[in-house]
mmCIF file of all heavy atoms, coordinates in Angstrom:
data_MODEL
# 
_entry.id   MODEL 
# 
loop_
_atom_site.group_PDB 
_atom_site.id 
_atom_site.type_symbol 
_atom_site.label_atom_id 
_atom_site.label_alt_id 
_atom_site.label_comp_id 
_atom_site.label_asym_id 
_atom_site.label_entity_id 
_atom_site.label_seq_id 
_atom_site.pdbx_PDB_ins_code 
_atom_site.Cartn_x 
_atom_site.Cartn_y 
_atom_site.Cartn_z 
_atom_site.occupancy 
_atom_site.B_iso_or_equiv 
_atom_site.pdbx_formal_charge 
_atom_site.auth_seq_id 
_atom_site.auth_comp_id 
_atom_site.auth_asym_id 
_atom_site.auth_atom_id 
_atom_site.pdbx_PDB_model_num 
ATOM 1   N N   . GLY A 1 1  ? 98.762  128.054 107.584 1.00 0.00 ? 1  GLY A N   1 
ATOM 2   C CA  . GLY A 1 1  ? 99.389  127.902 106.284 1.00 0.00 ? 1  GLY A CA  1 
ATOM 3   C C   . GLY A 1 1  ? 98.404  127.705 105.105 1.00 0.00 ? 1  GLY A C   1 
ATOM 4   O O   . GLY A 1 1  ? 98.864  127.360 104.033 1.00 0.00 ? 1  GLY A O   1 
ATOM 5   N N   . LYS A 1 2  ? 97.141  127.968 105.265 1.00 0.00 ? 2  LYS A N   1 
ATOM 6   C CA  . LYS A 1 2  ? 96.145  127.844 104.255 1.00 0.00 ? 2  LYS A CA  1 
ATOM 7   C C   . LYS A 1 2  ? 95.788  129.198 103.650 1.00 0.00 ? 2  LYS A C   1 
ATOM 8   O O   . LYS A 1 2  ? 95.474  130.167 104.395 1.00 0.00 ? 2  LYS A O   1 
ATOM 9   C CB  . LYS A 1 2  ? 94.895  127.165 104.753 1.00 0.00 ? 2  LYS A CB  1 
ATOM 10  C CG  . LYS A 1 2  ? 95.078  125.732 105.235 1.00 0.00 ? 2  LYS A CG  1 
ATOM 11  C CD  . LYS A 1 2  ? 95.409  124.818 104.113 1.00 0.00 ? 2  LYS A CD  1 
ATOM 12  C CE  . LYS A 1 2  ? 95.505  123.353 104.610 1.00 0.00 ? 2  LYS A CE  1 
ATOM 13  N NZ  . LYS A 1 2  ? 95.826  122.424 103.500 1.00 0.00 ? 2  LYS A NZ  1 
ATOM 14  N N   . TYR A 1 3  ? 95.815  129.273 102.328 1.00 0.00 ? 3  TYR A N   1 
ATOM 15  C CA  . TYR A 1 3  ? 95.397  130.467 101.593 1.00 0.00 ? 3  TYR A CA  1 
ATOM 16  C C   . TYR A 1 3  ? 94.236  130.073 100.679 1.00 0.00 ? 3  TYR A C   1 
ATOM 17  O O   . TYR A 1 3  ? 94.177  128.958 100.187 1.00 0.00 ? 3  TYR A O   1 
ATOM 18  C CB  . TYR A 1 3  ? 96.531  131.024 100.755 1.00 0.00 ? 3  TYR A CB  1 
ATOM 19  C CG  . TYR A 1 3  ? 97.687  131.567 101.590 1.00 0.00 ? 3  TYR A CG  1 
ATOM 20  C CD1 . TYR A 1 3  ? 98.611  130.748 102.200 1.00 0.00 ? 3  TYR A CD1 1 
ATOM 21  C CD2 . TYR A 1 3  ? 97.806  132.947 101.788 1.00 0.00 ? 3  TYR A CD2 1 
ATOM 22  C CE1 . TYR A 1 3  ? 99.632  131.215 102.952 1.00 0.00 ? 3  TYR A CE1 1 
ATOM 23  C CE2 . TYR A 1 3  ? 98.837  133.455 102.570 1.00 0.00 ? 3  TYR A CE2 1 
ATOM 24  C CZ  . TYR A 1 3  ? 99.733  132.587 103.191 1.00 0.00 ? 3  TYR A CZ  1 
ATOM 25  O OH  . TYR A 1 3  ? 100.751 133.097 103.932 1.00 0.00 ? 3  TYR A OH  1 
ATOM 26  N N   . LYS A 1 4  ? 93.309  130.999 100.561 1.00 0.00 ? 4  LYS A N   1 
ATOM 27  C CA  . LYS A 1 4  ? 92.092  130.699 99.763  1.00 0.00 ? 4  LYS A CA  1 
ATOM 28  C C   . LYS A 1 4  ? 91.806  131.795 98.805  1.00 0.00 ? 4  LYS A C   1 
ATOM 29  O O   . LYS A 1 4  ? 92.064  132.993 99.013  1.00 0.00 ? 4  LYS A O   1 
ATOM 30  C CB  . LYS A 1 4  ? 90.948  130.445 100.683 1.00 0.00 ? 4  LYS A CB  1 
ATOM 31  C CG  . LYS A 1 4  ? 91.101  129.174 101.518 1.00 0.00 ? 4  LYS A CG  1 
ATOM 32  C CD  . LYS A 1 4  ? 89.887  128.895 102.385 1.00 0.00 ? 4  LYS A CD  1 
ATOM 33  C CE  . LYS A 1 4  ? 90.094  127.591 103.134 1.00 0.00 ? 4  LYS A CE  1 
ATOM 34  N NZ  . LYS A 1 4  ? 88.923  127.284 103.990 1.00 0.00 ? 4  LYS A NZ  1 
ATOM 35  N N   . VAL A 1 5  ? 91.159  131.383 97.677  1.00 0.00 ? 5  VAL A N   1 
ATOM 36  C CA  . VAL A 1 5  ? 90.683  132.264 96.643  1.00 0.00 ? 5  VAL A CA  1 
ATOM 37  C C   . VAL A 1 5  ? 89.284  131.826 96.341  1.00 0.00 ? 5  VAL A C   1 
ATOM 38  O O   . VAL A 1 5  ? 88.981  130.639 96.191  1.00 0.00 ? 5  VAL A O   1 
ATOM 39  C CB  . VAL A 1 5  ? 91.500  132.181 95.338  1.00 0.00 ? 5  VAL A CB  1 
ATOM 40  C CG1 . VAL A 1 5  ? 90.832  132.991 94.228  1.00 0.00 ? 5  VAL A CG1 1 
ATOM 41  C CG2 . VAL A 1 5  ? 92.908  132.715 95.565  1.00 0.00 ? 5  VAL A CG2 1 
ATOM 42  N N   . ARG A 1 6  ? 88.293  132.784 96.320  1.00 0.00 ? 6  ARG A N   1 
ATOM 43  C CA  . ARG A 1 6  ? 86.949  132.455 96.091  1.00 0.00 ? 6  ARG A CA  1 
ATOM 44  C C   . ARG A 1 6  ? 86.383  133.121 94.890  1.00 0.00 ? 6  ARG A C   1 
ATOM 45  O O   . ARG A 1 6  ? 86.718  134.320 94.591  1.00 0.00 ? 6  ARG A O   1 
ATOM 46  C CB  . ARG A 1 6  ? 86.098  132.792 97.337  1.00 0.00 ? 6  ARG A CB  1 
ATOM 47  C CG  . ARG A 1 6  ? 86.379  131.858 98.528  1.00 0.00 ? 6  ARG A CG  1 
ATOM 48  C CD  . ARG A 1 6  ? 85.692  132.346 99.792  1.00 0.00 ? 6  ARG A CD  1 
ATOM 49  N NE  . ARG A 1 6  ? 85.890  131.348 100.897 1.00 0.00 ? 6  ARG A NE  1 
ATOM 50  C CZ  . ARG A 1 6  ? 85.738  131.651 102.173 1.00 0.00 ? 6  ARG A CZ  1 
ATOM 51  N NH1 . ARG A 1 6  ? 85.382  132.860 102.575 1.00 0.00 ? 6  ARG A NH1 1 
ATOM 52  N NH2 . ARG A 1 6  ? 85.949  130.688 103.086 1.00 0.00 ? 6  ARG A NH2 1 
ATOM 53  N N   . PHE A 1 7  ? 85.492  132.472 94.224  1.00 0.00 ? 7  PHE A N   1 
ATOM 54  C CA  . PHE A 1 7  ? 84.924  132.916 92.945  1.00 0.00 ? 7  PHE A CA  1 
ATOM 55  C C   . PHE A 1 7  ? 83.453  132.602 92.935  1.00 0.00 ? 7  PHE A C   1 
ATOM 56  O O   . PHE A 1 7  ? 83.005  131.535 93.417  1.00 0.00 ? 7  PHE A O   1 
ATOM 57  C CB  . PHE A 1 7  ? 85.667  132.213 91.781  1.00 0.00 ? 7  PHE A CB  1 
ATOM 58  C CG  . PHE A 1 7  ? 85.119  132.442 90.413  1.00 0.00 ? 7  PHE A CG  1 
ATOM 59  C CD1 . PHE A 1 7  ? 85.103  133.755 89.885  1.00 0.00 ? 7  PHE A CD1 1 
ATOM 60  C CD2 . PHE A 1 7  ? 84.661  131.405 89.626  1.00 0.00 ? 7  PHE A CD2 1 
ATOM 61  C CE1 . PHE A 1 7  ? 84.604  133.971 88.592  1.00 0.00 ? 7  PHE A CE1 1 
ATOM 62  C CE2 . PHE A 1 7  ? 84.182  131.624 88.356  1.00 0.00 ? 7  PHE A CE2 1 
ATOM 63  C CZ  . PHE A 1 7  ? 84.132  132.903 87.837  1.00 0.00 ? 7  PHE A CZ  1 
ATOM 64  N N   . LEU A 1 8  ? 82.647  133.501 92.369  1.00 0.00 ? 8  LEU A N   1 
ATOM 65  C CA  . LEU A 1 8  ? 81.217  133.308 92.221  1.00 0.00 ? 8  LEU A CA  1 
ATOM 66  C C   . LEU A 1 8  ? 80.853  133.231 90.762  1.00 0.00 ? 8  LEU A C   1 
ATOM 67  O O   . LEU A 1 8  ? 80.713  134.267 90.090  1.00 0.00 ? 8  LEU A O   1 
ATOM 68  C CB  . LEU A 1 8  ? 80.435  134.470 92.906  1.00 0.00 ? 8  LEU A CB  1 
ATOM 69  C CG  . LEU A 1 8  ? 78.921  134.306 92.942  1.00 0.00 ? 8  LEU A CG  1 
ATOM 70  C CD1 . LEU A 1 8  ? 78.478  133.062 93.752  1.00 0.00 ? 8  LEU A CD1 1 
ATOM 71  C CD2 . LEU A 1 8  ? 78.265  135.531 93.523  1.00 0.00 ? 8  LEU A CD2 1 
ATOM 72  N N   . PRO A 1 9  ? 80.736  132.016 90.185  1.00 0.00 ? 9  PRO A N   1 
ATOM 73  C CA  . PRO A 1 9  ? 80.451  131.907 88.793  1.00 0.00 ? 9  PRO A CA  1 
ATOM 74  C C   . PRO A 1 9  ? 79.085  132.505 88.363  1.00 0.00 ? 9  PRO A C   1 
ATOM 75  O O   . PRO A 1 9  ? 78.098  132.277 89.058  1.00 0.00 ? 9  PRO A O   1 
ATOM 76  C CB  . PRO A 1 9  ? 80.435  130.379 88.570  1.00 0.00 ? 9  PRO A CB  1 
ATOM 77  C CG  . PRO A 1 9  ? 81.133  129.779 89.727  1.00 0.00 ? 9  PRO A CG  1 
ATOM 78  C CD  . PRO A 1 9  ? 80.861  130.701 90.859  1.00 0.00 ? 9  PRO A CD  1 
ATOM 79  N N   . HIS A 1 10 ? 79.143  133.250 87.320  1.00 0.00 ? 10 HIS A N   1 
ATOM 80  C CA  . HIS A 1 10 ? 77.885  133.868 86.802  1.00 0.00 ? 10 HIS A CA  1 
ATOM 81  C C   . HIS A 1 10 ? 77.565  133.377 85.418  1.00 0.00 ? 10 HIS A C   1 
ATOM 82  O O   . HIS A 1 10 ? 76.532  133.782 84.856  1.00 0.00 ? 10 HIS A O   1 
ATOM 83  C CB  . HIS A 1 10 ? 78.025  135.426 86.794  1.00 0.00 ? 10 HIS A CB  1 
ATOM 84  C CG  . HIS A 1 10 ? 79.084  135.922 85.888  1.00 0.00 ? 10 HIS A CG  1 
ATOM 85  N ND1 . HIS A 1 10 ? 80.465  135.786 86.158  1.00 0.00 ? 10 HIS A ND1 1 
ATOM 86  C CD2 . HIS A 1 10 ? 79.040  136.573 84.677  1.00 0.00 ? 10 HIS A CD2 1 
ATOM 87  C CE1 . HIS A 1 10 ? 81.155  136.356 85.192  1.00 0.00 ? 10 HIS A CE1 1 
ATOM 88  N NE2 . HIS A 1 10 ? 80.332  136.809 84.273  1.00 0.00 ? 10 HIS A NE2 1 
ATOM 89  N N   . VAL A 1 11 ? 78.383  132.505 84.846  1.00 0.00 ? 11 VAL A N   1 
ATOM 90  C CA  . VAL A 1 11 ? 78.136  131.943 83.497  1.00 0.00 ? 11 VAL A CA  1 
ATOM 91  C C   . VAL A 1 11 ? 78.601  130.490 83.568  1.00 0.00 ? 11 VAL A C   1 
ATOM 92  O O   . VAL A 1 11 ? 79.660  130.177 84.154  1.00 0.00 ? 11 VAL A O   1 
ATOM 93  C CB  . VAL A 1 11 ? 78.937  132.673 82.429  1.00 0.00 ? 11 VAL A CB  1 
ATOM 94  C CG1 . VAL A 1 11 ? 78.775  131.977 81.080  1.00 0.00 ? 11 VAL A CG1 1 
ATOM 95  C CG2 . VAL A 1 11 ? 78.489  134.127 82.332  1.00 0.00 ? 11 VAL A CG2 1 
ATOM 96  N N   . THR A 1 12 ? 77.834  129.565 82.995  1.00 0.00 ? 12 THR A N   1 
ATOM 97  C CA  . THR A 1 12 ? 78.212  128.170 82.949  1.00 0.00 ? 12 THR A CA  1 
ATOM 98  C C   . THR A 1 12 ? 79.258  127.936 81.904  1.00 0.00 ? 12 THR A C   1 
ATOM 99  O O   . THR A 1 12 ? 79.547  128.828 81.088  1.00 0.00 ? 12 THR A O   1 
ATOM 100 C CB  . THR A 1 12 ? 77.012  127.266 82.601  1.00 0.00 ? 12 THR A CB  1 
ATOM 101 O OG1 . THR A 1 12 ? 76.445  127.671 81.372  1.00 0.00 ? 12 THR A OG1 1 
ATOM 102 C CG2 . THR A 1 12 ? 75.915  127.401 83.711  1.00 0.00 ? 12 THR A CG2 1 
ATOM 103 N N   . GLY A 1 13 ? 79.907  126.761 81.964  1.00 0.00 ? 13 GLY A N   1 
ATOM 104 C CA  . GLY A 1 13 ? 80.887  126.424 80.984  1.00 0.00 ? 13 GLY A CA  1 
ATOM 105 C C   . GLY A 1 13 ? 82.264  126.340 81.638  1.00 0.00 ? 13 GLY A C   1 
ATOM 106 O O   . GLY A 1 13 ? 82.414  126.314 82.860  1.00 0.00 ? 13 GLY A O   1 
ATOM 107 N N   . THR A 1 14 ? 83.337  126.228 80.799  1.00 0.00 ? 14 THR A N   1 
ATOM 108 C CA  . THR A 1 14 ? 84.679  126.069 81.304  1.00 0.00 ? 14 THR A CA  1 
ATOM 109 C C   . THR A 1 14 ? 85.316  127.360 81.607  1.00 0.00 ? 14 THR A C   1 
ATOM 110 O O   . THR A 1 14 ? 85.318  128.325 80.811  1.00 0.00 ? 14 THR A O   1 
ATOM 111 C CB  . THR A 1 14 ? 85.541  125.301 80.252  1.00 0.00 ? 14 THR A CB  1 
ATOM 112 O OG1 . THR A 1 14 ? 84.951  124.030 80.009  1.00 0.00 ? 14 THR A OG1 1 
ATOM 113 C CG2 . THR A 1 14 ? 86.930  125.134 80.748  1.00 0.00 ? 14 THR A CG2 1 
ATOM 114 N N   . TRP A 1 15 ? 85.897  127.483 82.795  1.00 0.00 ? 15 TRP A N   1 
ATOM 115 C CA  . TRP A 1 15 ? 86.617  128.626 83.230  1.00 0.00 ? 15 TRP A CA  1 
ATOM 116 C C   . TRP A 1 15 ? 88.112  128.220 83.528  1.00 0.00 ? 15 TRP A C   1 
ATOM 117 O O   . TRP A 1 15 ? 88.357  127.093 83.928  1.00 0.00 ? 15 TRP A O   1 
ATOM 118 C CB  . TRP A 1 15 ? 86.068  129.245 84.537  1.00 0.00 ? 15 TRP A CB  1 
ATOM 119 C CG  . TRP A 1 15 ? 84.780  129.995 84.326  1.00 0.00 ? 15 TRP A CG  1 
ATOM 120 C CD1 . TRP A 1 15 ? 83.520  129.480 84.180  1.00 0.00 ? 15 TRP A CD1 1 
ATOM 121 C CD2 . TRP A 1 15 ? 84.602  131.389 84.250  1.00 0.00 ? 15 TRP A CD2 1 
ATOM 122 N NE1 . TRP A 1 15 ? 82.576  130.492 84.008  1.00 0.00 ? 15 TRP A NE1 1 
ATOM 123 C CE2 . TRP A 1 15 ? 83.240  131.681 84.103  1.00 0.00 ? 15 TRP A CE2 1 
ATOM 124 C CE3 . TRP A 1 15 ? 85.532  132.507 84.360  1.00 0.00 ? 15 TRP A CE3 1 
ATOM 125 C CZ2 . TRP A 1 15 ? 82.733  132.973 83.997  1.00 0.00 ? 15 TRP A CZ2 1 
ATOM 126 C CZ3 . TRP A 1 15 ? 85.016  133.774 84.259  1.00 0.00 ? 15 TRP A CZ3 1 
ATOM 127 C CH2 . TRP A 1 15 ? 83.656  134.011 84.048  1.00 0.00 ? 15 TRP A CH2 1 
ATOM 128 N N   . THR A 1 16 ? 89.029  129.146 83.356  1.00 0.00 ? 16 THR A N   1 
ATOM 129 C CA  . THR A 1 16 ? 90.403  128.904 83.768  1.00 0.00 ? 16 THR A CA  1 
ATOM 130 C C   . THR A 1 16 ? 90.809  129.920 84.808  1.00 0.00 ? 16 THR A C   1 
ATOM 131 O O   . THR A 1 16 ? 90.111  130.932 85.001  1.00 0.00 ? 16 THR A O   1 
ATOM 132 C CB  . THR A 1 16 ? 91.376  129.087 82.586  1.00 0.00 ? 16 THR A CB  1 
ATOM 133 O OG1 . THR A 1 16 ? 91.316  130.430 82.101  1.00 0.00 ? 16 THR A OG1 1 
ATOM 134 C CG2 . THR A 1 16 ? 91.004  128.106 81.471  1.00 0.00 ? 16 THR A CG2 1 
ATOM 135 N N   . TYR A 1 17 ? 91.829  129.614 85.572  1.00 0.00 ? 17 TYR A N   1 
ATOM 136 C CA  . TYR A 1 17 ? 92.292  130.547 86.586  1.00 0.00 ? 17 TYR A CA  1 
ATOM 137 C C   . TYR A 1 17 ? 93.812  130.511 86.664  1.00 0.00 ? 17 TYR A C   1 
ATOM 138 O O   . TYR A 1 17 ? 94.465  129.526 86.281  1.00 0.00 ? 17 TYR A O   1 
ATOM 139 C CB  . TYR A 1 17 ? 91.729  130.190 87.968  1.00 0.00 ? 17 TYR A CB  1 
ATOM 140 C CG  . TYR A 1 17 ? 92.190  128.863 88.540  1.00 0.00 ? 17 TYR A CG  1 
ATOM 141 C CD1 . TYR A 1 17 ? 93.369  128.741 89.229  1.00 0.00 ? 17 TYR A CD1 1 
ATOM 142 C CD2 . TYR A 1 17 ? 91.426  127.729 88.318  1.00 0.00 ? 17 TYR A CD2 1 
ATOM 143 C CE1 . TYR A 1 17 ? 93.820  127.506 89.743  1.00 0.00 ? 17 TYR A CE1 1 
ATOM 144 C CE2 . TYR A 1 17 ? 91.838  126.470 88.841  1.00 0.00 ? 17 TYR A CE2 1 
ATOM 145 C CZ  . TYR A 1 17 ? 93.001  126.392 89.543  1.00 0.00 ? 17 TYR A CZ  1 
ATOM 146 O OH  . TYR A 1 17 ? 93.426  125.188 90.051  1.00 0.00 ? 17 TYR A OH  1 
ATOM 147 N N   . GLU A 1 18 ? 94.383  131.615 87.143  1.00 0.00 ? 18 GLU A N   1 
ATOM 148 C CA  . GLU A 1 18 ? 95.840  131.717 87.402  1.00 0.00 ? 18 GLU A CA  1 
ATOM 149 C C   . GLU A 1 18 ? 96.053  132.656 88.557  1.00 0.00 ? 18 GLU A C   1 
ATOM 150 O O   . GLU A 1 18 ? 95.407  133.734 88.594  1.00 0.00 ? 18 GLU A O   1 
ATOM 151 C CB  . GLU A 1 18 ? 96.604  132.172 86.143  1.00 0.00 ? 18 GLU A CB  1 
ATOM 152 C CG  . GLU A 1 18 ? 98.094  132.131 86.345  1.00 0.00 ? 18 GLU A CG  1 
ATOM 153 C CD  . GLU A 1 18 ? 98.845  132.470 85.092  1.00 0.00 ? 18 GLU A CD  1 
ATOM 154 O OE1 . GLU A 1 18 ? 98.193  132.760 84.051  1.00 0.00 ? 18 GLU A OE1 1 
ATOM 155 O OE2 . GLU A 1 18 ? 100.114 132.409 85.121  1.00 0.00 ? 18 GLU A OE2 1 
ATOM 156 N N   . THR A 1 19 ? 96.934  132.251 89.455  1.00 0.00 ? 19 THR A N   1 
ATOM 157 C CA  . THR A 1 19 ? 97.207  133.122 90.616  1.00 0.00 ? 19 THR A CA  1 
ATOM 158 C C   . THR A 1 19 ? 98.401  134.005 90.385  1.00 0.00 ? 19 THR A C   1 
ATOM 159 O O   . THR A 1 19 ? 99.274  133.700 89.530  1.00 0.00 ? 19 THR A O   1 
ATOM 160 C CB  . THR A 1 19 ? 97.438  132.278 91.909  1.00 0.00 ? 19 THR A CB  1 
ATOM 161 O OG1 . THR A 1 19 ? 98.616  131.529 91.651  1.00 0.00 ? 19 THR A OG1 1 
ATOM 162 C CG2 . THR A 1 19 ? 96.264  131.353 92.140  1.00 0.00 ? 19 THR A CG2 1 
ATOM 163 N N   . ARG A 1 20 ? 98.479  135.117 91.138  1.00 0.00 ? 20 ARG A N   1 
ATOM 164 C CA  . ARG A 1 20 ? 99.641  135.934 91.217  1.00 0.00 ? 20 ARG A CA  1 
ATOM 165 C C   . ARG A 1 20 ? 99.946  136.206 92.700  1.00 0.00 ? 20 ARG A C   1 
ATOM 166 O O   . ARG A 1 20 ? 99.035  136.477 93.497  1.00 0.00 ? 20 ARG A O   1 
ATOM 167 C CB  . ARG A 1 20 ? 99.380  137.314 90.543  1.00 0.00 ? 20 ARG A CB  1 
ATOM 168 C CG  . ARG A 1 20 ? 99.306  137.211 89.035  1.00 0.00 ? 20 ARG A CG  1 
ATOM 169 C CD  . ARG A 1 20 ? 99.106  138.587 88.385  1.00 0.00 ? 20 ARG A CD  1 
ATOM 170 N NE  . ARG A 1 20 ? 97.831  139.181 88.767  1.00 0.00 ? 20 ARG A NE  1 
ATOM 171 C CZ  . ARG A 1 20 ? 97.685  140.215 89.601  1.00 0.00 ? 20 ARG A CZ  1 
ATOM 172 N NH1 . ARG A 1 20 ? 98.777  140.748 90.168  1.00 0.00 ? 20 ARG A NH1 1 
ATOM 173 N NH2 . ARG A 1 20 ? 96.514  140.715 89.883  1.00 0.00 ? 20 ARG A NH2 1 
ATOM 174 N N   . SER A 1 21 ? 101.216 136.121 93.060  1.00 0.00 ? 21 SER A N   1 
ATOM 175 C CA  . SER A 1 21 ? 101.594 136.294 94.444  1.00 0.00 ? 21 SER A CA  1 
ATOM 176 C C   . SER A 1 21 ? 103.068 136.754 94.573  1.00 0.00 ? 21 SER A C   1 
ATOM 177 O O   . SER A 1 21 ? 103.868 136.446 93.619  1.00 0.00 ? 21 SER A O   1 
ATOM 178 C CB  . SER A 1 21 ? 101.358 135.034 95.257  1.00 0.00 ? 21 SER A CB  1 
ATOM 179 O OG  . SER A 1 21 ? 101.783 135.171 96.612  1.00 0.00 ? 21 SER A OG  1 
ATOM 180 N N   . ASN A 1 22 ? 103.413 137.356 95.668  1.00 0.00 ? 22 ASN A N   1 
ATOM 181 C CA  . ASN A 1 22 ? 104.828 137.687 95.945  1.00 0.00 ? 22 ASN A CA  1 
ATOM 182 C C   . ASN A 1 22 ? 105.560 136.475 96.615  1.00 0.00 ? 22 ASN A C   1 
ATOM 183 O O   . ASN A 1 22 ? 106.696 136.616 96.935  1.00 0.00 ? 22 ASN A O   1 
ATOM 184 C CB  . ASN A 1 22 ? 104.923 138.900 96.822  1.00 0.00 ? 22 ASN A CB  1 
ATOM 185 C CG  . ASN A 1 22 ? 104.256 138.768 98.178  1.00 0.00 ? 22 ASN A CG  1 
ATOM 186 O OD1 . ASN A 1 22 ? 103.466 137.853 98.383  1.00 0.00 ? 22 ASN A OD1 1 
ATOM 187 N ND2 . ASN A 1 22 ? 104.553 139.668 99.094  1.00 0.00 ? 22 ASN A ND2 1 
ATOM 188 N N   . VAL A 1 23 ? 104.799 135.391 96.790  1.00 0.00 ? 23 VAL A N   1 
ATOM 189 C CA  . VAL A 1 23 ? 105.388 134.151 97.337  1.00 0.00 ? 23 VAL A CA  1 
ATOM 190 C C   . VAL A 1 23 ? 105.394 133.100 96.278  1.00 0.00 ? 23 VAL A C   1 
ATOM 191 O O   . VAL A 1 23 ? 104.364 132.767 95.667  1.00 0.00 ? 23 VAL A O   1 
ATOM 192 C CB  . VAL A 1 23 ? 104.530 133.713 98.561  1.00 0.00 ? 23 VAL A CB  1 
ATOM 193 C CG1 . VAL A 1 23 ? 105.012 132.311 99.015  1.00 0.00 ? 23 VAL A CG1 1 
ATOM 194 C CG2 . VAL A 1 23 ? 104.562 134.676 99.693  1.00 0.00 ? 23 VAL A CG2 1 
ATOM 195 N N   . PRO A 1 24 ? 106.539 132.579 95.954  1.00 0.00 ? 24 PRO A N   1 
ATOM 196 C CA  . PRO A 1 24 ? 106.647 131.593 94.837  1.00 0.00 ? 24 PRO A CA  1 
ATOM 197 C C   . PRO A 1 24 ? 105.675 130.408 94.938  1.00 0.00 ? 24 PRO A C   1 
ATOM 198 O O   . PRO A 1 24 ? 105.116 129.970 93.896  1.00 0.00 ? 24 PRO A O   1 
ATOM 199 C CB  . PRO A 1 24 ? 108.105 131.141 94.926  1.00 0.00 ? 24 PRO A CB  1 
ATOM 200 C CG  . PRO A 1 24 ? 108.851 132.264 95.504  1.00 0.00 ? 24 PRO A CG  1 
ATOM 201 C CD  . PRO A 1 24 ? 107.937 132.877 96.510  1.00 0.00 ? 24 PRO A CD  1 
ATOM 202 N N   . ALA A 1 25 ? 105.426 129.915 96.128  1.00 0.00 ? 25 ALA A N   1 
ATOM 203 C CA  . ALA A 1 25 ? 104.546 128.743 96.285  1.00 0.00 ? 25 ALA A CA  1 
ATOM 204 C C   . ALA A 1 25 ? 103.117 129.084 95.896  1.00 0.00 ? 25 ALA A C   1 
ATOM 205 O O   . ALA A 1 25 ? 102.350 128.138 95.595  1.00 0.00 ? 25 ALA A O   1 
ATOM 206 C CB  . ALA A 1 25 ? 104.600 128.215 97.710  1.00 0.00 ? 25 ALA A CB  1 
# 
């Protein structure tokens, strides 16, 4: 039941994220 998203930052500072999925949760 675990889903993961991975990101490799290439710039310092504040980043935001938002997911998209066909599953509401």
